[in-house]
Amino acid sequence: MNRKQLRRTLYDLPGITVIVPEQIDRIPLILKVKSMDDFSGFNFPDGSKVIRQIANIALYKNGEPATHFDPPIELRVAYNFDDAIKAGCNIDGLKLAYWNGSAWVIFEDDKNCEYYTLPPSTAQVAEVKLREWVGDPPLAWGG
């Protein structure tokens, strides 16, 4: 039996796990963690405030930031009790966003992204599948 197997690389960092499947073009994606500016006091587009910065990660392909993924990459971003309290004691108030270079963009289901937050009874994480995004975005929780 000859089955194709999807090869994935798992990057487990504090507060975030990045799952990178082998891309259709077979060019490897390399994750780099970069320093992050201080975004405390910033607001998300819906008016909610940045609660906690997560990480500034970038995926590189051939030395350049990768912006398109086929198949999609996955992010699993942990939230904690303090995040939920700051978001009004409701996980529905938690917003996960990335910085696009000039403003925060809240993750929402659309043609390039699948997003959902798991309840605390299951796991305290948000899961995001991304087909594309900006090349070098810091991530943060807001509420």
Protein backbone atom coordinates (compact mmCIF):
# COMPACT_ATOMS: atom_id res chain seq x y z
CA MET A 1 0.00 0.00 0.00
CA ASN A 2 1.45 3.33 -1.05
CA ARG A 3 0.03 6.23 0.96
CA LYS A 4 1.14 9.80 0.81
CA GLN A 5 1.93 11.12 4.24
CA LEU A 6 1.77 14.75 5.22
CA ARG A 7 4.99 15.77 6.91
CA ARG A 8 4.64 18.47 9.52
CA THR A 9 7.11 20.40 11.63
CA LEU A 10 6.00 21.43 15.10
CA TYR A 11 7.43 24.53 16.77
CA ASP A 12 6.44 24.62 20.45
CA LEU A 13 7.14 28.05 21.94
CA PRO A 14 5.94 29.64 25.19
CA GLY A 15 2.23 30.38 24.73
CA ILE A 16 2.06 29.30 21.08
CA THR A 17 2.53 26.18 18.98
CA VAL A 18 3.08 26.56 15.24
CA ILE A 19 2.39 23.54 13.03
CA VAL A 20 3.94 23.81 9.58
CA PRO A 21 3.02 21.14 7.03
CA GLU A 22 5.31 20.38 4.13
CA GLN A 23 4.27 22.81 1.41
CA ILE A 24 3.05 21.67 -1.98
CA ASP A 25 6.17 23.18 -3.62
CA ARG A 26 8.32 21.23 -1.09
CA ILE A 27 10.37 24.34 -0.29
CA PRO A 28 10.88 24.26 3.50
CA LEU A 29 9.39 26.94 5.73
CA ILE A 30 11.71 28.01 8.55
CA LEU A 31 10.29 29.68 11.66
CA LYS A 32 12.13 32.60 13.24
CA VAL A 33 11.21 34.28 16.52
CA LYS A 34 11.90 38.00 16.50
CA SER A 35 11.92 40.72 19.12
CA MET A 36 8.64 42.55 19.65
CA ASP A 37 7.83 46.20 20.22
CA ASP A 38 5.70 47.12 23.23
CA PHE A 39 2.07 47.36 22.15
CA SER A 40 0.56 47.90 25.61
CA GLY A 41 -2.02 50.68 25.48
CA PHE A 42 -2.89 49.93 21.85
CA ASN A 43 -6.46 49.13 20.84
CA PHE A 44 -7.85 46.59 18.42
CA PRO A 45 -10.18 47.86 15.64
CA ASP A 46 -13.27 46.94 17.69
CA GLY A 47 -12.06 49.14 20.57
CA SER A 48 -10.85 46.30 22.79
CA LYS A 49 -7.41 46.72 24.37
CA VAL A 50 -4.27 44.64 23.97
CA ILE A 51 -4.25 42.33 27.01
CA ARG A 52 -1.09 40.31 26.44
CA GLN A 53 1.46 40.06 23.68
CA ILE A 54 2.18 36.49 22.57
CA ALA A 55 5.08 36.36 20.11
CA ASN A 56 6.58 37.86 17.01
CA ILE A 57 7.09 35.00 14.60
CA ALA A 58 7.84 34.80 10.91
CA LEU A 59 8.07 31.91 8.49
CA TYR A 60 10.75 32.14 5.83
CA LYS A 61 10.99 30.45 2.47
CA ASN A 62 14.25 30.80 0.54
CA GLY A 63 15.33 33.55 2.96
CA GLU A 64 12.23 35.72 2.39
CA PRO A 65 9.14 36.04 4.64
CA ALA A 66 6.48 33.58 3.43
CA THR A 67 2.97 34.99 3.04
CA HIS A 68 1.06 32.14 1.30
CA PHE A 69 0.72 28.59 2.61
CA ASP A 70 -0.48 25.47 0.79
CA PRO A 71 -1.47 23.51 2.79
CA PRO A 72 -2.30 26.03 5.56
CA ILE A 73 -0.17 26.44 8.66
CA GLU A 74 -1.77 26.14 12.09
CA LEU A 75 -1.33 28.28 15.19
CA ARG A 76 -2.44 27.11 18.63
CA VAL A 77 -2.33 30.06 20.99
CA ALA A 78 -2.88 29.55 24.71
CA TYR A 79 -5.02 31.86 26.80
CA ASN A 80 -5.07 31.88 30.58
CA PHE A 81 -7.46 32.73 33.41
CA ASP A 82 -6.09 36.27 33.69
CA ASP A 83 -6.70 36.86 29.95
CA ALA A 84 -10.33 35.77 30.35
CA ILE A 85 -10.84 38.03 33.38
CA LYS A 86 -9.43 41.03 31.48
CA ALA A 87 -11.80 40.19 28.59
CA GLY A 88 -14.85 40.52 30.84
CA CYS A 89 -14.82 37.00 32.34
CA ASN A 90 -15.98 35.59 29.03
CA ILE A 91 -13.85 33.75 26.47
CA ASP A 92 -16.10 35.17 23.75
CA GLY A 93 -14.63 38.54 24.73
CA LEU A 94 -11.12 37.32 23.96
CA LYS A 95 -9.77 38.47 20.60
CA LEU A 96 -6.63 37.13 18.98
CA ALA A 97 -5.00 39.52 16.54
CA TYR A 98 -1.84 40.17 14.56
CA TRP A 99 -0.11 43.45 13.74
CA ASN A 100 -0.07 44.11 9.98
CA GLY A 101 2.53 46.87 10.23
CA SER A 102 0.10 49.71 10.90
CA ALA A 103 -2.90 48.28 12.80
CA TRP A 104 -4.12 45.21 14.69
CA VAL A 105 -6.16 42.74 12.60
CA ILE A 106 -8.47 40.42 14.55
CA PHE A 107 -8.53 36.81 13.36
CA GLU A 108 -11.93 35.88 11.95
CA ASP A 109 -13.17 33.11 9.69
CA ASP A 110 -12.74 34.17 6.08
CA LYS A 111 -11.40 32.75 2.83
CA ASN A 112 -7.79 32.73 4.10
CA CYS A 113 -8.30 31.82 7.76
CA GLU A 114 -10.22 29.42 10.00
CA TYR A 115 -10.41 30.58 13.61
CA TYR A 116 -12.02 29.28 16.80
CA THR A 117 -11.45 29.45 20.55
CA LEU A 118 -11.82 26.24 22.53
CA PRO A 119 -13.66 26.49 25.86
CA PRO A 120 -11.75 26.12 29.13
CA SER A 121 -13.39 22.72 29.72
CA THR A 122 -11.66 21.38 26.59
CA ALA A 123 -8.43 23.33 26.30
CA GLN A 124 -7.45 26.92 26.84
CA VAL A 125 -6.33 27.63 23.29
CA ALA A 126 -7.42 29.36 20.12
CA GLU A 127 -6.72 27.54 16.89
CA VAL A 128 -6.03 29.32 13.62
CA LYS A 129 -5.44 27.80 10.19
CA LEU A 130 -3.84 30.29 7.82
CA ARG A 131 -3.56 30.15 4.06
CA GLU A 132 -1.95 33.60 3.92
CA TRP A 133 -0.96 36.52 6.13
CA VAL A 134 1.61 39.29 6.41
CA GLY A 135 5.19 38.10 6.59
CA ASP A 136 6.31 39.15 10.07
CA PRO A 137 3.39 39.74 12.45
CA PRO A 138 3.44 40.07 16.22
CA LEU A 139 0.47 38.32 17.89
CA ALA A 140 -1.53 39.45 20.93
CA TRP A 141 -4.65 38.73 22.96
CA GLY A 142 -7.11 41.55 23.45
CA GLY A 143 -10.46 41.98 25.08
